[in-house]
Amino acid sequence: MKVYLFFILFFFPVIILSQDLKPNKKIKSNTYFNHMASGMTAPVSLGDFSRTALFTNSKNDSVFAAEYENKSNDAVYKFKIIPAFLDEERLLNHYFKELNERKYRPKESEKVNKTVTFKEGKFRLHGISTYFSHLNRLINVRVYDAGFWTFISEISQKGNDTLVLDKIHDQFLKNLQPGKIVENNPLTRYSNILYSPIAARDTVLLRITMSSATNKMKWIYENIDKYERASGIPGTLLDFQIAGINGFIDYKTEKNFKPIKEGNFTVDKLISFFTKLRNDGFTDEYLMEQYYYLLSPPENHQFDYEGYQKWKLNNSIDYNVAEKYYIIVNSRKKTDFSKDE
């Protein structure tokens, strides 16, 4: 297996790319518009909302955005698609970037967040949805993985009725069919693993890091079909992240029975922390907290957050998920659904 090394720059590709990929050039059109690169469409109207503007990027026409307005109730809807770096963290990166770039940045205490999915035919798009209020307007922002793109959808109106806003938003997505972006440009299931220089400085640390990464990829192949996988690496699924932690532990406990070399405090501390976390039954609570509760658990999954808070009183948190030893990146090519990968 080849070992690819990366620097911290890889953790912030979205921030770097966003400077050049903002919708900053108007498109002149008074009719139904089809974005050729993605297959995304923008009708002249969406229900009672009329289209007011279309945009692309002056340097990259794969960027596409549209804005709509309902003047009768002072409501606004807009969406945009932006080419995205194809790593496992991109959905979270784009979610935080989208909020941080605003003139008004909602505080954590002001937001109501949840993970969402959009299902269209065989294709499933994983996303993050957030609600917050500003200047007496209720705003709902949703960010979805969409193959080569990130799809960002936003609606706002006066008031505080989230149910009404959700219903309108859902209907707009049904009409716009963002799943077509993935259907027209499906990502291959092949990926690369990029290892950090920190992981490579120690042989045992590199081996358990490889075990973690490959266990994540194994989980994807066993649990995510090629149509759902075409949207991107499912980095916001709780079980995907748990597979990574299990990979760290199992290399030492099942695949390599030799004791860790004396003085190798990094590996010893890491394995001890993950092992105790798993044995005490708090891996899922730990991951949810580390990822700002923006991971999707399996249906009917039960958490014990009260027990986890008590556990933390007597146990230190010896690993921060932001300190990456590796990152999984999707191959930048389309898949052929007629063939098995």
Protein backbone atom coordinates (compact mmCIF):
# COMPACT_ATOMS: atom_id res chain seq x y z
CA MET A 1 0.00 0.00 0.00
CA LYS A 2 1.26 3.45 -0.88
CA VAL A 3 1.47 5.95 1.94
CA TYR A 4 0.35 9.44 0.93
CA LEU A 5 1.37 12.29 3.23
CA PHE A 6 -0.55 15.51 3.53
CA PHE A 7 -0.16 18.79 5.37
CA ILE A 8 -2.67 20.78 7.40
CA LEU A 9 -3.64 22.64 4.24
CA PHE A 10 -5.72 19.62 3.26
CA PHE A 11 -8.01 20.15 6.21
CA PHE A 12 -9.23 23.49 4.97
CA PRO A 13 -9.71 23.04 1.19
CA VAL A 14 -13.23 24.40 1.28
CA ILE A 15 -12.15 27.69 2.82
CA ILE A 16 -9.40 28.09 0.23
CA LEU A 17 -11.58 27.16 -2.75
CA SER A 18 -14.52 29.29 -1.61
CA GLN A 19 -12.59 32.49 -2.25
CA ASP A 20 -12.63 31.74 -5.97
CA LEU A 21 -15.91 29.82 -6.28
CA LYS A 22 -18.51 32.28 -5.04
CA PRO A 23 -21.45 32.98 -7.40
CA ASN A 24 -20.34 36.42 -8.59
CA LYS A 25 -21.47 36.68 -12.22
CA LYS A 26 -25.09 37.15 -13.26
CA ILE A 27 -26.65 34.93 -15.91
CA LYS A 28 -29.12 36.62 -18.26
CA SER A 29 -32.19 34.46 -18.77
CA ASN A 30 -35.94 34.98 -18.59
CA THR A 31 -36.86 31.36 -19.25
CA TYR A 32 -36.44 27.92 -17.73
CA PHE A 33 -32.68 27.50 -17.25
CA ASN A 34 -30.62 24.30 -17.33
CA HIS A 35 -27.09 24.28 -15.89
CA MET A 36 -25.21 22.11 -18.38
CA ALA A 37 -22.30 21.07 -16.16
CA SER A 38 -24.40 19.61 -13.34
CA GLY A 39 -27.80 19.01 -14.91
CA MET A 40 -29.37 21.25 -12.24
CA THR A 41 -32.35 23.30 -13.41
CA ALA A 42 -33.90 26.59 -12.29
CA PRO A 43 -37.52 27.11 -13.36
CA VAL A 44 -38.93 30.62 -13.71
CA SER A 45 -41.15 30.04 -10.67
CA LEU A 46 -41.43 27.71 -7.68
CA GLY A 47 -45.00 27.79 -6.44
CA ASP A 48 -45.70 31.39 -5.42
CA PHE A 49 -42.00 32.28 -5.63
CA SER A 50 -40.67 34.06 -8.73
CA ARG A 51 -37.07 33.79 -9.87
CA THR A 52 -35.20 37.06 -9.40
CA ALA A 53 -31.60 36.16 -10.33
CA LEU A 54 -29.25 33.51 -11.69
CA PHE A 55 -25.51 33.38 -11.04
CA THR A 56 -22.33 31.54 -11.95
CA ASN A 57 -18.67 32.21 -11.21
CA SER A 58 -16.60 34.40 -13.52
CA LYS A 59 -13.75 31.84 -13.51
CA ASN A 60 -15.63 28.57 -13.10
CA ASP A 61 -18.97 27.94 -14.78
CA SER A 62 -19.61 24.76 -12.77
CA VAL A 63 -20.75 27.11 -9.98
CA PHE A 64 -24.48 27.78 -10.20
CA ALA A 65 -26.98 29.69 -8.05
CA ALA A 66 -30.56 30.93 -8.26
CA GLU A 67 -32.71 33.22 -6.11
CA TYR A 68 -36.50 33.40 -5.73
CA GLU A 69 -38.84 35.73 -3.90
CA ASN A 70 -42.46 35.75 -2.77
CA LYS A 71 -43.24 39.45 -2.32
CA SER A 72 -46.70 38.85 -0.89
CA ASN A 73 -45.31 37.39 2.35
CA ASP A 74 -41.73 38.70 2.18
CA ALA A 75 -40.20 35.23 1.77
CA VAL A 76 -36.93 34.40 0.00
CA TYR A 77 -35.56 31.12 -1.35
CA LYS A 78 -32.15 30.50 -2.91
CA PHE A 79 -29.90 27.61 -3.76
CA LYS A 80 -26.36 27.20 -5.03
CA ILE A 81 -24.05 24.38 -6.05
CA ILE A 82 -20.31 24.66 -5.60
CA PRO A 83 -17.60 22.19 -6.72
CA ALA A 84 -16.19 20.64 -3.56
CA PHE A 85 -13.06 18.83 -2.42
CA LEU A 86 -14.11 15.18 -2.22
CA ASP A 87 -13.01 14.21 1.29
CA GLU A 88 -14.92 12.67 4.19
CA GLU A 89 -15.08 16.01 6.06
CA ARG A 90 -16.44 18.19 3.26
CA LEU A 91 -20.09 18.27 4.35
CA LEU A 92 -19.16 19.55 7.80
CA ASN A 93 -16.61 21.95 6.30
CA HIS A 94 -19.17 23.45 3.92
CA TYR A 95 -21.80 23.67 6.64
CA PHE A 96 -19.53 25.70 8.93
CA LYS A 97 -18.16 27.74 6.04
CA GLU A 98 -21.66 28.64 4.88
CA LEU A 99 -22.55 30.07 8.29
CA ASN A 100 -19.17 31.68 9.00
CA GLU A 101 -19.20 33.63 5.73
CA ARG A 102 -22.40 35.47 6.62
CA LYS A 103 -22.47 39.05 7.79
CA TYR A 104 -24.56 37.76 10.68
CA ARG A 105 -23.04 34.64 12.23
CA PRO A 106 -25.51 32.81 14.47
CA LYS A 107 -24.16 31.63 17.81
CA GLU A 108 -24.34 27.94 18.70
CA SER A 109 -27.00 28.71 21.29
CA GLU A 110 -29.15 30.33 18.58
CA LYS A 111 -29.10 27.40 16.15
CA VAL A 112 -31.22 24.26 15.98
CA ASN A 113 -29.25 21.67 13.99
CA LYS A 114 -30.06 18.22 12.68
CA THR A 115 -28.85 15.82 10.03
CA VAL A 116 -31.14 15.26 7.06
CA THR A 117 -31.30 13.14 3.93
CA PHE A 118 -32.88 13.73 0.56
CA LYS A 119 -33.98 10.59 -1.29
CA GLU A 120 -34.68 10.69 -5.01
CA GLY A 121 -35.11 7.38 -6.81
CA LYS A 122 -32.07 5.22 -6.00
CA PHE A 123 -29.99 8.19 -4.89
CA ARG A 124 -29.67 9.48 -1.33
CA LEU A 125 -28.02 12.78 -0.42
CA HIS A 126 -26.77 13.24 3.15
CA GLY A 127 -27.07 16.72 4.60
CA ILE A 128 -27.11 19.05 7.58
CA SER A 129 -30.00 21.40 8.34
CA THR A 130 -29.97 24.38 10.70
CA TYR A 131 -32.59 26.85 11.87
CA PHE A 132 -31.93 30.26 13.38
CA SER A 133 -33.65 33.64 13.60
CA HIS A 134 -32.35 37.05 12.58
CA LEU A 135 -34.18 40.38 12.39
CA ASN A 136 -37.54 38.69 13.00
CA ARG A 137 -36.93 36.26 10.15
CA LEU A 138 -36.77 32.49 10.49
CA ILE A 139 -33.99 31.02 8.34
CA ASN A 140 -33.45 27.40 7.35
CA VAL A 141 -30.15 26.46 5.69
CA ARG A 142 -29.53 22.95 4.37
CA VAL A 143 -26.21 21.68 3.03
CA TYR A 144 -26.03 18.39 1.09
CA ASP A 145 -23.33 16.18 -0.40
CA ALA A 146 -24.11 15.99 -4.12
CA GLY A 147 -21.36 14.10 -5.91
CA PHE A 148 -18.83 16.52 -7.37
CA TRP A 149 -20.77 19.41 -5.83
CA THR A 150 -22.10 20.61 -2.52
CA PHE A 151 -25.75 21.67 -2.76
CA ILE A 152 -26.78 24.52 -0.44
CA SER A 153 -30.45 25.42 -0.08
CA GLU A 154 -31.89 28.27 2.01
CA ILE A 155 -35.34 29.67 2.73
CA SER A 156 -36.37 32.53 5.02
CA GLN A 157 -39.52 34.38 5.96
CA LYS A 158 -40.96 36.41 8.82
CA GLY A 159 -42.25 34.55 11.85
CA ASN A 160 -41.14 31.46 13.76
CA ASP A 161 -43.15 28.55 12.36
CA THR A 162 -40.55 25.88 11.54
CA LEU A 163 -43.18 23.36 10.40
CA VAL A 164 -44.50 25.68 7.70
CA LEU A 165 -41.00 26.56 6.54
CA ASP A 166 -39.98 22.89 6.48
CA LYS A 167 -42.99 22.01 4.33
CA ILE A 168 -42.22 24.74 1.79
CA HIS A 169 -38.53 23.82 1.73
CA ASP A 170 -39.28 20.13 1.21
CA GLN A 171 -41.60 20.93 -1.70
CA PHE A 172 -38.99 23.13 -3.38
CA LEU A 173 -36.40 20.35 -3.17
CA LYS A 174 -38.89 17.88 -4.61
CA ASN A 175 -39.47 20.23 -7.56
CA LEU A 176 -35.79 21.04 -8.09
CA GLN A 177 -34.63 17.40 -7.83
CA PRO A 178 -31.04 17.89 -6.60
CA GLY A 179 -30.57 14.13 -6.81
CA LYS A 180 -30.27 14.63 -10.58
CA ILE A 181 -26.89 16.26 -9.95
CA VAL A 182 -25.63 12.94 -8.58
CA GLU A 183 -27.47 10.82 -11.15
CA ASN A 184 -25.85 12.80 -13.99
CA ASN A 185 -22.40 12.86 -12.37
CA PRO A 186 -22.10 9.90 -9.95
CA LEU A 187 -18.89 9.54 -7.99
CA THR A 188 -16.92 6.33 -8.19
CA ARG A 189 -16.58 4.23 -5.02
CA TYR A 190 -12.79 4.31 -5.25
CA SER A 191 -10.93 6.43 -2.70
CA ASN A 192 -7.43 7.34 -1.58
CA ILE A 193 -6.18 7.57 2.00
CA LEU A 194 -3.93 10.52 2.78
CA TYR A 195 -1.80 10.07 5.93
CA SER A 196 -0.41 12.96 7.95
CA PRO A 197 3.31 13.33 8.64
CA ILE A 198 2.49 12.93 12.34
CA ALA A 199 1.12 9.43 11.75
CA ALA A 200 4.17 8.49 9.70
CA ARG A 201 6.71 9.42 12.35
CA ASP A 202 6.13 6.15 14.23
CA THR A 203 5.75 2.68 12.69
CA VAL A 204 3.13 1.40 15.14
CA LEU A 205 1.15 4.64 14.99
CA LEU A 206 1.13 4.45 11.19
CA ARG A 207 -0.07 0.84 11.28
CA ILE A 208 -2.98 1.51 13.62
CA THR A 209 -3.83 4.60 11.56
CA MET A 210 -3.93 2.47 8.41
CA SER A 211 -6.13 -0.01 10.26
CA SER A 212 -8.55 2.76 11.20
CA ALA A 213 -8.77 4.16 7.67
CA THR A 214 -9.18 0.81 5.95
CA ASN A 215 -11.82 -0.25 8.49
CA LYS A 216 -13.83 2.84 7.56
CA MET A 217 -13.56 1.98 3.88
CA LYS A 218 -14.55 -1.62 4.60
CA TRP A 219 -17.61 -0.38 6.46
CA ILE A 220 -18.64 1.74 3.46
CA TYR A 221 -18.37 -1.19 1.05
CA GLU A 222 -20.41 -3.44 3.34
CA ASN A 223 -23.12 -0.94 4.28
CA ILE A 224 -23.53 1.73 1.58
CA ASP A 225 -24.72 0.79 -1.89
CA LYS A 226 -23.19 2.35 -4.99
CA TYR A 227 -26.11 4.72 -5.57
CA GLU A 228 -25.92 6.27 -2.11
CA ARG A 229 -22.13 6.23 -2.29
CA ALA A 230 -22.30 8.21 -5.55
CA SER A 231 -23.18 11.31 -3.50
CA GLY A 232 -19.91 11.20 -1.55
CA ILE A 233 -18.13 9.61 1.39
CA PRO A 234 -20.75 9.38 4.20
CA GLY A 235 -18.66 11.23 6.79
CA THR A 236 -21.66 12.27 8.90
CA LEU A 237 -22.84 8.72 9.60
CA LEU A 238 -22.16 7.72 13.21
CA ASP A 239 -21.39 4.08 12.36
CA PHE A 240 -18.81 5.20 9.79
CA GLN A 241 -16.94 7.13 12.48
CA ILE A 242 -17.27 4.26 14.97
CA ALA A 243 -15.66 1.97 12.38
CA GLY A 244 -12.63 4.26 12.41
CA ILE A 245 -12.22 3.99 16.17
CA ASN A 246 -12.67 0.22 16.09
CA GLY A 247 -9.93 0.05 13.48
CA PHE A 248 -7.50 1.80 15.83
CA ILE A 249 -8.29 -0.61 18.67
CA ASP A 250 -8.52 -3.87 16.77
CA TYR A 251 -5.09 -3.66 15.17
CA LYS A 252 -3.52 -4.02 18.61
CA THR A 253 -6.06 -6.29 20.26
CA GLU A 254 -6.75 -8.69 17.38
CA LYS A 255 -4.09 -8.35 14.70
CA ASN A 256 -0.91 -7.60 16.60
CA PHE A 257 -0.42 -9.11 20.03
CA LYS A 258 3.08 -7.73 20.55
CA PRO A 259 3.24 -5.14 23.33
CA ILE A 260 3.72 -1.52 22.37
CA LYS A 261 7.31 -0.41 22.71
CA GLU A 262 8.14 1.25 26.00
CA GLY A 263 8.20 5.00 25.60
CA ASN A 264 5.65 5.03 22.76
CA PHE A 265 3.28 7.22 24.76
CA THR A 266 1.27 8.48 21.78
CA VAL A 267 0.13 5.03 20.67
CA ASP A 268 -0.27 3.67 24.18
CA LYS A 269 -2.41 6.59 25.31
CA LEU A 270 -4.50 6.58 22.14
CA ILE A 271 -5.29 2.86 22.28
CA SER A 272 -5.94 2.93 26.03
CA PHE A 273 -8.37 5.82 25.63
CA PHE A 274 -10.30 4.27 22.73
CA THR A 275 -10.39 0.84 24.40
CA LYS A 276 -11.76 2.19 27.67
CA LEU A 277 -14.24 4.36 25.79
CA ARG A 278 -15.55 1.32 23.91
CA ASN A 279 -15.54 -1.03 26.89
CA ASP A 280 -17.49 1.49 28.97
CA GLY A 281 -20.02 1.95 26.17
CA PHE A 282 -19.57 5.64 25.36
CA THR A 283 -18.01 5.64 21.87
CA ASP A 284 -21.19 6.97 20.26
CA GLU A 285 -21.72 9.75 22.82
CA TYR A 286 -18.08 10.79 22.51
CA LEU A 287 -18.29 11.01 18.72
CA MET A 288 -21.56 12.93 18.77
CA GLU A 289 -20.04 15.49 21.13
CA GLN A 290 -16.82 15.75 19.11
CA TYR A 291 -18.77 16.34 15.90
CA TYR A 292 -21.12 18.94 17.43
CA TYR A 293 -24.03 16.44 17.38
CA LEU A 294 -24.03 16.57 13.58
CA LEU A 295 -23.71 12.83 12.97
CA SER A 296 -26.58 10.58 11.89
CA PRO A 297 -27.13 7.59 14.20
CA PRO A 298 -28.88 4.39 13.12
CA GLU A 299 -32.67 4.42 13.43
CA ASN A 300 -33.93 4.13 17.04
CA HIS A 301 -30.38 4.41 18.41
CA GLN A 302 -30.32 5.14 22.14
CA PHE A 303 -27.79 7.50 23.76
CA ASP A 304 -26.79 7.92 27.39
CA TYR A 305 -25.53 11.50 27.47
CA GLU A 306 -26.12 11.84 31.20
CA GLY A 307 -23.98 8.78 31.84
CA TYR A 308 -21.31 10.07 29.47
CA GLN A 309 -21.09 13.41 31.29
CA LYS A 310 -20.57 11.53 34.56
CA TRP A 311 -17.95 9.29 32.87
CA LYS A 312 -15.99 12.37 31.80
CA LEU A 313 -15.66 13.49 35.41
CA ASN A 314 -13.31 10.54 36.04
CA ASN A 315 -11.82 10.07 32.57
CA SER A 316 -9.81 12.43 30.40
CA ILE A 317 -10.55 12.95 26.70
CA ASP A 318 -7.23 11.99 25.13
CA TYR A 319 -8.07 12.50 21.48
CA ASN A 320 -9.65 15.35 19.54
CA VAL A 321 -11.14 14.31 16.19
CA ALA A 322 -9.92 17.59 14.68
CA GLU A 323 -6.34 16.27 15.05
CA LYS A 324 -6.41 14.02 12.01
CA TYR A 325 -3.94 11.23 11.39
CA TYR A 326 -5.47 10.62 7.96
CA ILE A 327 -8.25 11.68 5.67
CA ILE A 328 -10.14 9.63 3.06
CA VAL A 329 -10.57 11.34 -0.30
CA ASN A 330 -12.81 10.18 -3.13
CA SER A 331 -11.28 9.55 -6.54
CA ARG A 332 -12.20 12.37 -8.89
CA LYS A 333 -13.96 10.44 -11.62
CA LYS A 334 -17.45 9.27 -12.50
CA THR A 335 -18.67 5.75 -11.98
CA ASP A 336 -20.34 3.45 -14.50
CA PHE A 337 -23.34 1.82 -12.84
CA SER A 338 -23.41 -0.91 -15.46
CA LYS A 339 -20.17 -2.28 -14.02
CA ASP A 340 -19.32 -3.60 -10.58
CA GLU A 341 -16.59 -1.75 -8.70
